Amino acid sequence: MNTTDLGPEVVESILKRLRRIEGQVRGLQKMVQEGRPCDEVLTQMTATKKAMESAANVILKEFLVLCAAEVAEGNAAKPDEIATVLKKFV
């Protein structure tokens, strides 16, 4: 399955999340360059990590929905693909 299979509204939602994350990472770079306190940098890093996890969860959910439909249609290879993806994600 490719991200093109997710549907345009889901893809746009993911892209918006990634653009925000990109801004957070740029902000982190600036914080480090400015010599900001470590606890502030770590707090922002934690927020960035959670944002990445949230974006990944959107993709994973859509992947599982699409795979479930294929399993229901009799695609016997999908459970193995699902297991492989879950091993990478978890």
PDB file of N, CA and C in Angstrom:
ATOM      1  N   MET A   1       0.834  -1.171   0.000  1.00  0.00           N
ATOM      2  CA  MET A   1       0.000   0.000   0.000  1.00  0.00           C
ATOM      3  C   MET A   1       0.883   1.239   0.000  1.00  0.00           C
ATOM      4  N   ASN A   2       0.476   2.238  -0.751  1.00  0.00           N
ATOM      5  CA  ASN A   2       1.197   3.509  -0.834  1.00  0.00           C
ATOM      6  C   ASN A   2       0.361   4.613  -0.214  1.00  0.00           C
ATOM      7  N   THR A   3       1.000   5.733   0.092  1.00  0.00           N
ATOM      8  CA  THR A   3       0.248   6.854   0.651  1.00  0.00           C
ATOM      9  C   THR A   3      -0.769   7.401  -0.348  1.00  0.00           C
ATOM     10  N   THR A   4      -0.557   7.139  -1.637  1.00  0.00           N
ATOM     11  CA  THR A   4      -1.538   7.575  -2.633  1.00  0.00           C
ATOM     12  C   THR A   4      -2.865   6.833  -2.486  1.00  0.00           C
ATOM     13  N   ASP A   5      -2.838   5.697  -1.798  1.00  0.00           N
ATOM     14  CA  ASP A   5      -4.061   4.923  -1.563  1.00  0.00           C
ATOM     15  C   ASP A   5      -4.900   5.494  -0.417  1.00  0.00           C
ATOM     16  N   LEU A   6      -4.369   6.458   0.306  1.00  0.00           N
ATOM     17  CA  LEU A   6      -5.034   6.963   1.503  1.00  0.00           C
ATOM     18  C   LEU A   6      -6.188   7.917   1.217  1.00  0.00           C
ATOM     19  N   GLY A   7      -6.216   8.506   0.074  1.00  0.00           N
ATOM     20  CA  GLY A   7      -7.252   9.490  -0.224  1.00  0.00           C
ATOM     21  C   GLY A   7      -6.710  10.888  -0.048  1.00  0.00           C
ATOM     22  N   PRO A   8      -7.157  11.814  -0.885  1.00  0.00           N
ATOM     23  CA  PRO A   8      -6.578  13.159  -0.880  1.00  0.00           C
ATOM     24  C   PRO A   8      -6.753  13.917   0.431  1.00  0.00           C
ATOM     25  N   GLU A   9      -7.872  13.755   1.109  1.00  0.00           N
ATOM     26  CA  GLU A   9      -8.080  14.504   2.354  1.00  0.00           C
ATOM     27  C   GLU A   9      -7.182  13.980   3.469  1.00  0.00           C
ATOM     28  N   VAL A  10      -6.943  12.677   3.501  1.00  0.00           N
ATOM     29  CA  VAL A  10      -6.045  12.110   4.505  1.00  0.00           C
ATOM     30  C   VAL A  10      -4.609  12.538   4.215  1.00  0.00           C
ATOM     31  N   VAL A  11      -4.220  12.484   2.961  1.00  0.00           N
ATOM     32  CA  VAL A  11      -2.867  12.898   2.570  1.00  0.00           C
ATOM     33  C   VAL A  11      -2.645  14.362   2.943  1.00  0.00           C
ATOM     34  N   GLU A  12      -3.610  15.220   2.665  1.00  0.00           N
ATOM     35  CA  GLU A  12      -3.470  16.642   2.996  1.00  0.00           C
ATOM     36  C   GLU A  12      -3.367  16.845   4.504  1.00  0.00           C
ATOM     37  N   SER A  13      -4.133  16.086   5.274  1.00  0.00           N
ATOM     38  CA  SER A  13      -4.066  16.170   6.731  1.00  0.00           C
ATOM     39  C   SER A  13      -2.674  15.786   7.233  1.00  0.00           C
ATOM     40  N   ILE A  14      -2.122  14.732   6.673  1.00  0.00           N
ATOM     41  CA  ILE A  14      -0.781  14.292   7.065  1.00  0.00           C
ATOM     42  C   ILE A  14       0.252  15.342   6.672  1.00  0.00           C
ATOM     43  N   LEU A  15       0.122  15.891   5.467  1.00  0.00           N
ATOM     44  CA  LEU A  15       1.066  16.920   5.023  1.00  0.00           C
ATOM     45  C   LEU A  15       1.019  18.148   5.924  1.00  0.00           C
ATOM     46  N   LYS A  16      -0.166  18.547   6.364  1.00  0.00           N
ATOM     47  CA  LYS A  16      -0.284  19.689   7.280  1.00  0.00           C
ATOM     48  C   LYS A  16       0.442  19.395   8.584  1.00  0.00           C
ATOM     49  N   ARG A  17       0.259  18.186   9.101  1.00  0.00           N
ATOM     50  CA  ARG A  17       0.945  17.802  10.334  1.00  0.00           C
ATOM     51  C   ARG A  17       2.462  17.851  10.138  1.00  0.00           C
ATOM     52  N   LEU A  18       2.919  17.331   9.012  1.00  0.00           N
ATOM     53  CA  LEU A  18       4.365  17.306   8.752  1.00  0.00           C
ATOM     54  C   LEU A  18       4.940  18.711   8.588  1.00  0.00           C
ATOM     55  N   ARG A  19       4.170  19.615   8.006  1.00  0.00           N
ATOM     56  CA  ARG A  19       4.644  21.005   7.884  1.00  0.00           C
ATOM     57  C   ARG A  19       4.793  21.649   9.264  1.00  0.00           C
ATOM     58  N   ARG A  20       3.838  21.357  10.161  1.00  0.00           N
ATOM     59  CA  ARG A  20       3.946  21.879  11.527  1.00  0.00           C
ATOM     60  C   ARG A  20       5.166  21.295  12.233  1.00  0.00           C
ATOM     61  N   ILE A  21       5.383  20.009  12.033  1.00  0.00           N
ATOM     62  CA  ILE A  21       6.543  19.351  12.632  1.00  0.00           C
ATOM     63  C   ILE A  21       7.832  19.961  12.088  1.00  0.00           C
ATOM     64  N   GLU A  22       7.847  20.226  10.794  1.00  0.00           N
ATOM     65  CA  GLU A  22       9.013  20.862  10.179  1.00  0.00           C
ATOM     66  C   GLU A  22       9.297  22.208  10.858  1.00  0.00           C
ATOM     67  N   GLY A  23       8.244  22.960  11.130  1.00  0.00           N
ATOM     68  CA  GLY A  23       8.404  24.236  11.832  1.00  0.00           C
ATOM     69  C   GLY A  23       8.920  24.038  13.248  1.00  0.00           C
ATOM     70  N   GLN A  24       8.443  22.989  13.904  1.00  0.00           N
ATOM     71  CA  GLN A  24       8.934  22.697  15.254  1.00  0.00           C
ATOM     72  C   GLN A  24      10.426  22.363  15.229  1.00  0.00           C
ATOM     73  N   VAL A  25      10.845  21.595  14.246  1.00  0.00           N
ATOM     74  CA  VAL A  25      12.263  21.226  14.149  1.00  0.00           C
ATOM     75  C   VAL A  25      13.112  22.462  13.864  1.00  0.00           C
ATOM     76  N   ARG A  26      12.637  23.334  12.986  1.00  0.00           N
ATOM     77  CA  ARG A  26      13.375  24.583  12.742  1.00  0.00           C
ATOM     78  C   ARG A  26      13.468  25.402  14.032  1.00  0.00           C
ATOM     79  N   GLY A  27      12.379  25.419  14.796  1.00  0.00           N
ATOM     80  CA  GLY A  27      12.390  26.121  16.077  1.00  0.00           C
ATOM     81  C   GLY A  27      13.393  25.513  17.048  1.00  0.00           C
ATOM     82  N   LEU A  28      13.489  24.199  17.034  1.00  0.00           N
ATOM     83  CA  LEU A  28      14.474  23.520  17.878  1.00  0.00           C
ATOM     84  C   LEU A  28      15.900  23.901  17.493  1.00  0.00           C
ATOM     85  N   GLN A  29      16.155  23.949  16.205  1.00  0.00           N
ATOM     86  CA  GLN A  29      17.491  24.343  15.747  1.00  0.00           C
ATOM     87  C   GLN A  29      17.836  25.742  16.236  1.00  0.00           C
ATOM     88  N   LYS A  30      16.872  26.622  16.147  1.00  0.00           N
ATOM     89  CA  LYS A  30      17.083  28.003  16.587  1.00  0.00           C
ATOM     90  C   LYS A  30      17.322  28.054  18.100  1.00  0.00           C
ATOM     91  N   MET A  31      16.550  27.255  18.839  1.00  0.00           N
ATOM     92  CA  MET A  31      16.720  27.221  20.292  1.00  0.00           C
ATOM     93  C   MET A  31      18.133  26.786  20.672  1.00  0.00           C
ATOM     94  N   VAL A  32      18.632  25.759  19.993  1.00  0.00           N
ATOM     95  CA  VAL A  32      19.979  25.253  20.281  1.00  0.00           C
ATOM     96  C   VAL A  32      21.020  26.308  19.903  1.00  0.00           C
ATOM     97  N   GLN A  33      20.850  26.938  18.732  1.00  0.00           N
ATOM     98  CA  GLN A  33      21.792  27.979  18.305  1.00  0.00           C
ATOM     99  C   GLN A  33      21.822  29.139  19.286  1.00  0.00           C
ATOM    100  N   GLU A  34      20.677  29.473  19.852  1.00  0.00           N
ATOM    101  CA  GLU A  34      20.581  30.585  20.792  1.00  0.00           C
ATOM    102  C   GLU A  34      21.071  30.216  22.194  1.00  0.00           C
ATOM    103  N   GLY A  35      21.316  28.932  22.414  1.00  0.00           N
ATOM    104  CA  GLY A  35      21.786  28.504  23.731  1.00  0.00           C
ATOM    105  C   GLY A  35      20.690  28.470  24.779  1.00  0.00           C
ATOM    106  N   ARG A  36      19.486  28.152  24.367  1.00  0.00           N
ATOM    107  CA  ARG A  36      18.359  28.096  25.312  1.00  0.00           C
ATOM    108  C   ARG A  36      18.567  26.993  26.334  1.00  0.00           C
ATOM    109  N   PRO A  37      17.919  27.095  27.488  1.00  0.00           N
ATOM    110  CA  PRO A  37      18.071  26.079  28.541  1.00  0.00           C
ATOM    111  C   PRO A  37      17.676  24.681  28.043  1.00  0.00           C
ATOM    112  N   CYS A  38      18.419  23.695  28.509  1.00  0.00           N
ATOM    113  CA  CYS A  38      18.201  22.311  28.074  1.00  0.00           C
ATOM    114  C   CYS A  38      16.779  21.839  28.337  1.00  0.00           C
ATOM    115  N   ASP A  39      16.215  22.224  29.476  1.00  0.00           N
ATOM    116  CA  ASP A  39      14.859  21.750  29.772  1.00  0.00           C
ATOM    117  C   ASP A  39      13.845  22.293  28.771  1.00  0.00           C
ATOM    118  N   GLU A  40      14.033  23.514  28.297  1.00  0.00           N
ATOM    119  CA  GLU A  40      13.143  24.078  27.276  1.00  0.00           C
ATOM    120  C   GLU A  40      13.293  23.341  25.948  1.00  0.00           C
ATOM    121  N   VAL A  41      14.537  23.036  25.585  1.00  0.00           N
ATOM    122  CA  VAL A  41      14.792  22.314  24.345  1.00  0.00           C
ATOM    123  C   VAL A  41      14.183  20.914  24.427  1.00  0.00           C
ATOM    124  N   LEU A  42      14.384  20.242  25.547  1.00  0.00           N
ATOM    125  CA  LEU A  42      13.841  18.895  25.711  1.00  0.00           C
ATOM    126  C   LEU A  42      12.312  18.893  25.703  1.00  0.00           C
ATOM    127  N   THR A  43      11.714  19.921  26.279  1.00  0.00           N
ATOM    128  CA  THR A  43      10.254  20.025  26.256  1.00  0.00           C
ATOM    129  C   THR A  43       9.756  20.136  24.822  1.00  0.00           C
ATOM    130  N   GLN A  44      10.424  20.961  24.037  1.00  0.00           N
ATOM    131  CA  GLN A  44      10.027  21.118  22.640  1.00  0.00           C
ATOM    132  C   GLN A  44      10.291  19.846  21.849  1.00  0.00           C
ATOM    133  N   MET A  45      11.378  19.161  22.155  1.00  0.00           N
ATOM    134  CA  MET A  45      11.665  17.885  21.480  1.00  0.00           C
ATOM    135  C   MET A  45      10.580  16.853  21.783  1.00  0.00           C
ATOM    136  N   THR A  46      10.126  16.838  23.026  1.00  0.00           N
ATOM    137  CA  THR A  46       9.056  15.913  23.399  1.00  0.00           C
ATOM    138  C   THR A  46       7.779  16.223  22.624  1.00  0.00           C
ATOM    139  N   ALA A  47       7.464  17.495  22.493  1.00  0.00           N
ATOM    140  CA  ALA A  47       6.274  17.888  21.730  1.00  0.00           C
ATOM    141  C   ALA A  47       6.417  17.482  20.262  1.00  0.00           C
ATOM    142  N   THR A  48       7.608  17.628  19.713  1.00  0.00           N
ATOM    143  CA  THR A  48       7.862  17.252  18.322  1.00  0.00           C
ATOM    144  C   THR A  48       7.731  15.743  18.150  1.00  0.00           C
ATOM    145  N   LYS A  49       8.263  15.007  19.095  1.00  0.00           N
ATOM    146  CA  LYS A  49       8.158  13.542  19.050  1.00  0.00           C
ATOM    147  C   LYS A  49       6.694  13.103  19.091  1.00  0.00           C
ATOM    148  N   LYS A  50       5.920  13.718  19.960  1.00  0.00           N
ATOM    149  CA  LYS A  50       4.491  13.370  20.055  1.00  0.00           C
ATOM    150  C   LYS A  50       3.758  13.726  18.772  1.00  0.00           C
ATOM    151  N   ALA A  51       4.127  14.822  18.143  1.00  0.00           N
ATOM    152  CA  ALA A  51       3.510  15.211  16.875  1.00  0.00           C
ATOM    153  C   ALA A  51       3.829  14.186  15.794  1.00  0.00           C
ATOM    154  N   MET A  52       5.063  13.690  15.770  1.00  0.00           N
ATOM    155  CA  MET A  52       5.443  12.649  14.810  1.00  0.00           C
ATOM    156  C   MET A  52       4.648  11.372  15.062  1.00  0.00           C
ATOM    157  N   GLU A  53       4.513  11.002  16.327  1.00  0.00           N
ATOM    158  CA  GLU A  53       3.751   9.804  16.666  1.00  0.00           C
ATOM    159  C   GLU A  53       2.294   9.952  16.244  1.00  0.00           C
ATOM    160  N   SER A  54       1.758  11.139  16.412  1.00  0.00           N
ATOM    161  CA  SER A  54       0.374  11.399  16.018  1.00  0.00           C
ATOM    162  C   SER A  54       0.197  11.252  14.507  1.00  0.00           C
ATOM    163  N   ALA A  55       1.132  11.788  13.743  1.00  0.00           N
ATOM    164  CA  ALA A  55       1.077  11.659  12.284  1.00  0.00           C
ATOM    165  C   ALA A  55       1.207  10.191  11.881  1.00  0.00           C
ATOM    166  N   ALA A  56       2.093   9.477  12.537  1.00  0.00           N
ATOM    167  CA  ALA A  56       2.262   8.051  12.247  1.00  0.00           C
ATOM    168  C   ALA A  56       0.998   7.275  12.575  1.00  0.00           C
ATOM    169  N   ASN A  57       0.322   7.638  13.651  1.00  0.00           N
ATOM    170  CA  ASN A  57      -0.921   6.960  14.024  1.00  0.00           C
ATOM    171  C   ASN A  57      -2.004   7.143  12.965  1.00  0.00           C
ATOM    172  N   VAL A  58      -2.060   8.313  12.357  1.00  0.00           N
ATOM    173  CA  VAL A  58      -3.032   8.556  11.289  1.00  0.00           C
ATOM    174  C   VAL A  58      -2.761   7.606  10.124  1.00  0.00           C
ATOM    175  N   ILE A  59      -1.497   7.526   9.735  1.00  0.00           N
ATOM    176  CA  ILE A  59      -1.133   6.644   8.619  1.00  0.00           C
ATOM    177  C   ILE A  59      -1.408   5.191   8.983  1.00  0.00           C
ATOM    178  N   LEU A  60      -1.041   4.781  10.187  1.00  0.00           N
ATOM    179  CA  LEU A  60      -1.260   3.400  10.601  1.00  0.00           C
ATOM    180  C   LEU A  60      -2.743   3.041  10.607  1.00  0.00           C
ATOM    181  N   LYS A  61      -3.562   3.934  11.135  1.00  0.00           N
ATOM    182  CA  LYS A  61      -5.005   3.677  11.169  1.00  0.00           C
ATOM    183  C   LYS A  61      -5.555   3.483   9.757  1.00  0.00           C
ATOM    184  N   GLU A  62      -5.196   4.377   8.861  1.00  0.00           N
ATOM    185  CA  GLU A  62      -5.692   4.273   7.488  1.00  0.00           C
ATOM    186  C   GLU A  62      -5.176   3.005   6.812  1.00  0.00           C
ATOM    187  N   PHE A  63      -3.924   2.668   7.079  1.00  0.00           N
ATOM    188  CA  PHE A  63      -3.340   1.440   6.540  1.00  0.00           C
ATOM    189  C   PHE A  63      -4.153   0.231   7.008  1.00  0.00           C
ATOM    190  N   LEU A  64      -4.465   0.192   8.297  1.00  0.00           N
ATOM    191  CA  LEU A  64      -5.206  -0.945   8.836  1.00  0.00           C
ATOM    192  C   LEU A  64      -6.625  -1.021   8.279  1.00  0.00           C
ATOM    193  N   VAL A  65      -7.258   0.117   8.096  1.00  0.00           N
ATOM    194  CA  VAL A  65      -8.603   0.137   7.517  1.00  0.00           C
ATOM    195  C   VAL A  65      -8.582  -0.434   6.097  1.00  0.00           C
ATOM    196  N   LEU A  66      -7.620   0.033   5.311  1.00  0.00           N
ATOM    197  CA  LEU A  66      -7.520  -0.458   3.931  1.00  0.00           C
ATOM    198  C   LEU A  66      -7.154  -1.938   3.891  1.00  0.00           C
ATOM    199  N   CYS A  67      -6.262  -2.360   4.764  1.00  0.00           N
ATOM    200  CA  CYS A  67      -5.883  -3.769   4.805  1.00  0.00           C
ATOM    201  C   CYS A  67      -7.042  -4.652   5.252  1.00  0.00           C
ATOM    202  N   ALA A  68      -7.824  -4.183   6.207  1.00  0.00           N
ATOM    203  CA  ALA A  68      -8.970  -4.959   6.672  1.00  0.00           C
ATOM    204  C   ALA A  68      -9.947  -5.206   5.533  1.00  0.00           C
ATOM    205  N   ALA A  69     -10.126  -4.199   4.695  1.00  0.00           N
ATOM    206  CA  ALA A  69     -11.015  -4.363   3.545  1.00  0.00           C
ATOM    207  C   ALA A  69     -10.464  -5.424   2.598  1.00  0.00           C
ATOM    208  N   GLU A  70      -9.147  -5.420   2.408  1.00  0.00           N
ATOM    209  CA  GLU A  70      -8.545  -6.424   1.520  1.00  0.00           C
ATOM    210  C   GLU A  70      -8.628  -7.826   2.130  1.00  0.00           C
ATOM    211  N   VAL A  71      -8.467  -7.930   3.444  1.00  0.00           N
ATOM    212  CA  VAL A  71      -8.599  -9.224   4.108  1.00  0.00           C
ATOM    213  C   VAL A  71     -10.019  -9.740   3.938  1.00  0.00           C
ATOM    214  N   ALA A  72     -10.991  -8.849   4.094  1.00  0.00           N
ATOM    215  CA  ALA A  72     -12.396  -9.236   3.931  1.00  0.00           C
ATOM    216  C   ALA A  72     -12.684  -9.714   2.512  1.00  0.00           C
ATOM    217  N   GLU A  73     -11.920  -9.202   1.551  1.00  0.00           N
ATOM    218  CA  GLU A  73     -12.086  -9.619   0.156  1.00  0.00           C
ATOM    219  C   GLU A  73     -11.333 -10.912  -0.141  1.00  0.00           C
ATOM    220  N   GLY A  74     -10.617 -11.439   0.858  1.00  0.00           N
ATOM    221  CA  GLY A  74      -9.941 -12.712   0.675  1.00  0.00           C
ATOM    222  C   GLY A  74      -8.459 -12.638   0.371  1.00  0.00           C
ATOM    223  N   ASN A  75      -7.834 -11.477   0.511  1.00  0.00           N
ATOM    224  CA  ASN A  75      -6.405 -11.356   0.257  1.00  0.00           C
ATOM    225  C   ASN A  75      -5.641 -12.005   1.412  1.00  0.00           C
ATOM    226  N   ALA A  76      -5.162 -13.209   1.206  1.00  0.00           N
ATOM    227  CA  ALA A  76      -4.516 -13.990   2.253  1.00  0.00           C
ATOM    228  C   ALA A  76      -3.140 -13.439   2.645  1.00  0.00           C
ATOM    229  N   ALA A  77      -2.515 -12.619   1.804  1.00  0.00           N
ATOM    230  CA  ALA A  77      -1.186 -12.089   2.103  1.00  0.00           C
ATOM    231  C   ALA A  77      -1.233 -10.879   3.035  1.00  0.00           C
ATOM    232  N   LYS A  78      -2.385 -10.241   3.159  1.00  0.00           N
ATOM    233  CA  LYS A  78      -2.475  -9.011   3.955  1.00  0.00           C
ATOM    234  C   LYS A  78      -2.140  -9.198   5.428  1.00  0.00           C
ATOM    235  N   PRO A  79      -2.585 -10.260   6.091  1.00  0.00           N
ATOM    236  CA  PRO A  79      -2.214 -10.388   7.514  1.00  0.00           C
ATOM    237  C   PRO A  79      -0.703 -10.369   7.734  1.00  0.00           C
ATOM    238  N   ASP A  80       0.065 -10.976   6.819  1.00  0.00           N
ATOM    239  CA  ASP A  80       1.528 -10.941   6.945  1.00  0.00           C
ATOM    240  C   ASP A  80       2.049  -9.518   6.775  1.00  0.00           C
ATOM    241  N   GLU A  81       1.478  -8.787   5.829  1.00  0.00           N
ATOM    242  CA  GLU A  81       1.892  -7.392   5.611  1.00  0.00           C
ATOM    243  C   GLU A  81       1.557  -6.551   6.842  1.00  0.00           C
ATOM    244  N   ILE A  82       0.393  -6.771   7.409  1.00  0.00           N
ATOM    245  CA  ILE A  82      -0.007  -6.041   8.609  1.00  0.00           C
ATOM    246  C   ILE A  82       0.978  -6.327   9.748  1.00  0.00           C
ATOM    247  N   ALA A  83       1.324  -7.602   9.944  1.00  0.00           N
ATOM    248  CA  ALA A  83       2.258  -7.969  11.011  1.00  0.00           C
ATOM    249  C   ALA A  83       3.614  -7.302  10.804  1.00  0.00           C
ATOM    250  N   THR A  84       4.084  -7.251   9.578  1.00  0.00           N
ATOM    251  CA  THR A  84       5.369  -6.627   9.277  1.00  0.00           C
ATOM    252  C   THR A  84       5.350  -5.137   9.626  1.00  0.00           C
ATOM    253  N   VAL A  85       4.281  -4.460   9.241  1.00  0.00           N
ATOM    254  CA  VAL A  85       4.170  -3.030   9.530  1.00  0.00           C
ATOM    255  C   VAL A  85       4.076  -2.787  11.019  1.00  0.00           C
ATOM    256  N   LEU A  86       3.301  -3.594  11.722  1.00  0.00           N
ATOM    257  CA  LEU A  86       3.166  -3.412  13.169  1.00  0.00           C
ATOM    258  C   LEU A  86       4.492  -3.644  13.884  1.00  0.00           C
ATOM    259  N   LYS A  87       5.272  -4.608  13.426  1.00  0.00           N
ATOM    260  CA  LYS A  87       6.598  -4.837  14.040  1.00  0.00           C
ATOM    261  C   LYS A  87       7.476  -3.606  13.892  1.00  0.00           C
ATOM    262  N   LYS A  88       7.412  -2.938  12.755  1.00  0.00           N
ATOM    263  CA  LYS A  88       8.213  -1.733  12.542  1.00  0.00           C
ATOM    264  C   LYS A  88       7.705  -0.578  13.386  1.00  0.00           C
ATOM    265  N   PHE A  89       6.412  -0.524  13.566  1.00  0.00           N
ATOM    266  CA  PHE A  89       5.804   0.626  14.246  1.00  0.00           C
ATOM    267  C   PHE A  89       5.941   0.534  15.754  1.00  0.00           C
ATOM    268  N   VAL A  90       5.855  -0.668  16.279  1.00  0.00           N
ATOM    269  CA  VAL A  90       5.828  -0.836  17.736  1.00  0.00           C
ATOM    270  C   VAL A  90       7.216  -0.894  18.310  1.00  0.00           C
TER     271      VAL A  90
END
